[in-house]
N, C-alpha and C. Protein backbone atom coordinates (compact mmCIF):
# COMPACT_ATOMS: atom_id res chain seq x y z
N UNK A 1 -127.48 -63.40 -125.76
CA UNK A 1 -126.79 -64.97 -124.82
C UNK A 1 -127.80 -66.09 -125.15
N UNK A 2 -127.51 -66.96 -126.02
CA UNK A 2 -127.38 -68.57 -125.77
C UNK A 2 -127.83 -69.18 -125.17
N UNK A 3 -128.86 -70.32 -124.33
CA UNK A 3 -128.82 -70.72 -123.54
C UNK A 3 -128.19 -71.81 -124.40
N UNK A 4 -128.23 -72.60 -123.25
CA UNK A 4 -128.40 -74.26 -123.12
C UNK A 4 -129.11 -75.41 -122.99
N UNK A 5 -130.41 -75.97 -123.77
CA UNK A 5 -131.17 -76.63 -123.52
C UNK A 5 -131.13 -77.90 -123.83
N UNK A 6 -132.04 -79.08 -122.67
CA UNK A 6 -131.50 -80.21 -121.53
C UNK A 6 -132.80 -80.86 -122.01
N UNK A 7 -132.51 -81.84 -122.16
CA UNK A 7 -133.88 -83.52 -122.13
C UNK A 7 -134.26 -82.74 -120.40
N UNK A 8 -136.06 -82.94 -120.40
CA UNK A 8 -136.75 -82.40 -119.21
C UNK A 8 -137.63 -83.73 -119.53
N UNK A 9 -137.80 -84.31 -118.03
CA UNK A 9 -139.32 -85.39 -118.52
C UNK A 9 -140.43 -84.54 -116.88
N UNK A 10 -140.83 -84.38 -118.14
CA UNK A 10 -142.52 -84.38 -117.03
C UNK A 10 -143.46 -85.28 -117.56
N UNK A 11 -144.84 -84.46 -116.68
CA UNK A 11 -145.80 -85.49 -116.49
C UNK A 11 -146.94 -84.69 -116.39
N UNK A 12 -148.18 -85.58 -117.18
CA UNK A 12 -148.81 -85.13 -118.47
C UNK A 12 -149.91 -85.03 -117.21
N UNK A 13 -150.40 -83.57 -117.28
CA UNK A 13 -151.52 -83.19 -116.21
C UNK A 13 -152.85 -83.87 -116.53
N UNK A 14 -153.22 -84.56 -117.85
CA UNK A 14 -153.92 -85.33 -117.79
C UNK A 14 -154.05 -86.67 -117.29
N UNK A 15 -152.95 -87.57 -118.60
CA UNK A 15 -153.11 -88.58 -117.93
C UNK A 15 -152.11 -89.34 -117.44
N UNK A 16 -151.00 -88.17 -116.21
CA UNK A 16 -149.73 -89.31 -115.94
C UNK A 16 -149.23 -89.60 -116.79
N UNK A 17 -148.92 -89.78 -117.94
CA UNK A 17 -147.73 -90.37 -118.25
C UNK A 17 -146.45 -89.35 -118.74
N UNK A 18 -145.38 -89.53 -118.12
CA UNK A 18 -144.15 -89.47 -118.47
C UNK A 18 -143.69 -89.32 -119.45
N UNK A 19 -143.09 -87.48 -120.01
CA UNK A 19 -142.92 -87.40 -121.90
C UNK A 19 -141.89 -86.51 -122.00
N UNK A 20 -141.12 -86.36 -122.23
CA UNK A 20 -140.11 -85.63 -122.87
C UNK A 20 -140.04 -84.54 -123.34
N UNK A 21 -139.75 -83.33 -122.70
CA UNK A 21 -139.73 -81.73 -123.18
C UNK A 21 -138.52 -82.06 -123.76
N UNK A 22 -138.35 -82.22 -125.18
CA UNK A 22 -136.72 -81.96 -125.87
C UNK A 22 -136.27 -80.72 -125.85
N UNK A 23 -135.15 -80.51 -126.02
CA UNK A 23 -133.93 -79.30 -125.94
C UNK A 23 -134.73 -78.87 -127.03
N UNK A 24 -135.12 -79.44 -128.46
CA UNK A 24 -135.39 -78.62 -129.32
C UNK A 24 -136.76 -77.74 -128.93
N UNK A 25 -137.86 -78.65 -127.89
CA UNK A 25 -138.63 -77.26 -128.37
C UNK A 25 -138.85 -76.74 -127.53
N UNK A 26 -138.02 -77.05 -126.42
CA UNK A 26 -137.59 -75.34 -125.83
C UNK A 26 -137.43 -74.24 -126.47
N UNK A 27 -136.23 -75.32 -126.69
CA UNK A 27 -135.94 -73.36 -128.15
C UNK A 27 -136.36 -73.25 -128.96
N UNK A 28 -137.94 -74.03 -129.40
CA UNK A 28 -138.68 -73.65 -129.77
C UNK A 28 -139.52 -72.47 -129.18
N UNK A 29 -140.13 -72.66 -127.73
CA UNK A 29 -141.43 -72.16 -126.89
C UNK A 29 -140.46 -70.97 -126.72
N UNK A 30 -139.07 -70.78 -126.37
CA UNK A 30 -138.11 -70.44 -126.15
C UNK A 30 -138.27 -68.65 -127.35
N UNK A 31 -137.73 -69.17 -128.72
CA UNK A 31 -138.10 -68.56 -129.69
C UNK A 31 -139.60 -67.92 -130.23
N UNK A 32 -140.88 -68.46 -129.38
CA UNK A 32 -142.02 -68.13 -129.31
C UNK A 32 -142.05 -66.67 -128.47
N UNK A 33 -141.41 -66.87 -127.32
CA UNK A 33 -141.47 -66.37 -126.24
C UNK A 33 -142.39 -66.86 -125.15
N UNK A 34 -142.85 -68.52 -125.45
CA UNK A 34 -143.95 -69.10 -124.05
C UNK A 34 -143.21 -69.08 -123.53
N UNK A 35 -143.82 -68.84 -121.88
CA UNK A 35 -142.31 -68.42 -120.66
C UNK A 35 -142.33 -69.90 -119.87
N UNK A 36 -144.17 -70.80 -120.14
CA UNK A 36 -144.22 -71.80 -119.34
C UNK A 36 -143.79 -73.20 -119.77
N UNK A 37 -143.31 -74.07 -119.45
CA UNK A 37 -143.34 -76.03 -119.06
C UNK A 37 -144.67 -75.74 -120.17
N UNK A 38 -144.77 -77.18 -121.69
CA UNK A 38 -146.30 -78.05 -121.09
C UNK A 38 -147.02 -78.49 -120.32
N UNK A 39 -147.54 -78.85 -119.93
CA UNK A 39 -148.34 -79.56 -119.32
C UNK A 39 -149.09 -81.21 -119.49
N UNK A 40 -149.11 -81.00 -120.98
CA UNK A 40 -149.94 -82.25 -121.02
C UNK A 40 -148.73 -83.16 -122.51
N UNK A 41 -149.23 -84.01 -122.92
CA UNK A 41 -148.26 -85.28 -124.09
C UNK A 41 -149.16 -84.66 -124.96
N UNK A 42 -148.57 -84.98 -125.83
CA UNK A 42 -148.84 -84.60 -127.14
C UNK A 42 -149.77 -85.71 -127.84
N UNK A 43 -150.14 -86.61 -127.37
CA UNK A 43 -151.05 -87.40 -127.63
C UNK A 43 -152.70 -86.93 -126.43
N UNK A 44 -152.18 -85.55 -125.18
CA UNK A 44 -153.16 -85.42 -124.93
C UNK A 44 -153.52 -84.28 -125.48
N UNK A 45 -152.93 -83.26 -125.80
CA UNK A 45 -152.19 -82.12 -126.54
C UNK A 45 -153.37 -82.34 -127.60
N UNK A 46 -153.19 -83.36 -128.40
CA UNK A 46 -154.77 -83.43 -130.02
C UNK A 46 -156.05 -83.76 -129.30
N UNK A 47 -155.63 -83.99 -128.44
CA UNK A 47 -157.62 -85.02 -127.91
C UNK A 47 -158.06 -83.17 -127.27
N UNK A 48 -157.00 -82.50 -126.48
CA UNK A 48 -157.94 -81.35 -126.07
C UNK A 48 -157.94 -79.76 -126.77
N UNK A 49 -157.14 -79.96 -128.05
CA UNK A 49 -157.32 -79.10 -129.36
C UNK A 49 -158.17 -79.67 -130.09
N UNK A 50 -158.39 -80.86 -130.15
CA UNK A 50 -159.95 -81.66 -130.76
C UNK A 50 -161.12 -81.11 -130.27
N UNK A 51 -161.31 -80.74 -129.21
CA UNK A 51 -162.60 -80.73 -128.33
C UNK A 51 -162.88 -79.45 -128.20
N UNK A 52 -161.70 -78.76 -128.33
CA UNK A 52 -161.91 -76.86 -128.32
C UNK A 52 -161.92 -76.47 -129.90
N UNK A 53 -161.80 -77.59 -130.38
CA UNK A 53 -162.16 -77.25 -132.23
C UNK A 53 -163.88 -77.28 -132.44
N UNK A 54 -163.54 -78.37 -132.22
CA UNK A 54 -165.30 -78.70 -131.89
C UNK A 54 -166.55 -78.20 -131.30
N UNK A 55 -166.13 -77.00 -130.30
CA UNK A 55 -166.86 -76.53 -129.60
C UNK A 55 -167.25 -75.15 -129.92
N UNK A 56 -166.89 -74.97 -131.66
CA UNK A 56 -166.70 -73.81 -132.63
C UNK A 56 -168.22 -73.69 -133.19
C-alpha cells in the first residue's frame, strides 16, 4: 500500500522558523522506518549535529 505524501509546514523547536517537510522527505522517513516528523529546520539540525560531534 503506497501512501500519498503532501508537503507539510512545521515549526522548528529551536528557532521558531516555519519549514517545509516535503513529500519526498516524508517518503524517505517512511522508507527508513522513522515514525516521528522532524522538529528542527535544516540549519538547526546542522548546528545540533555539529554540537553532538564536537562532544566526542
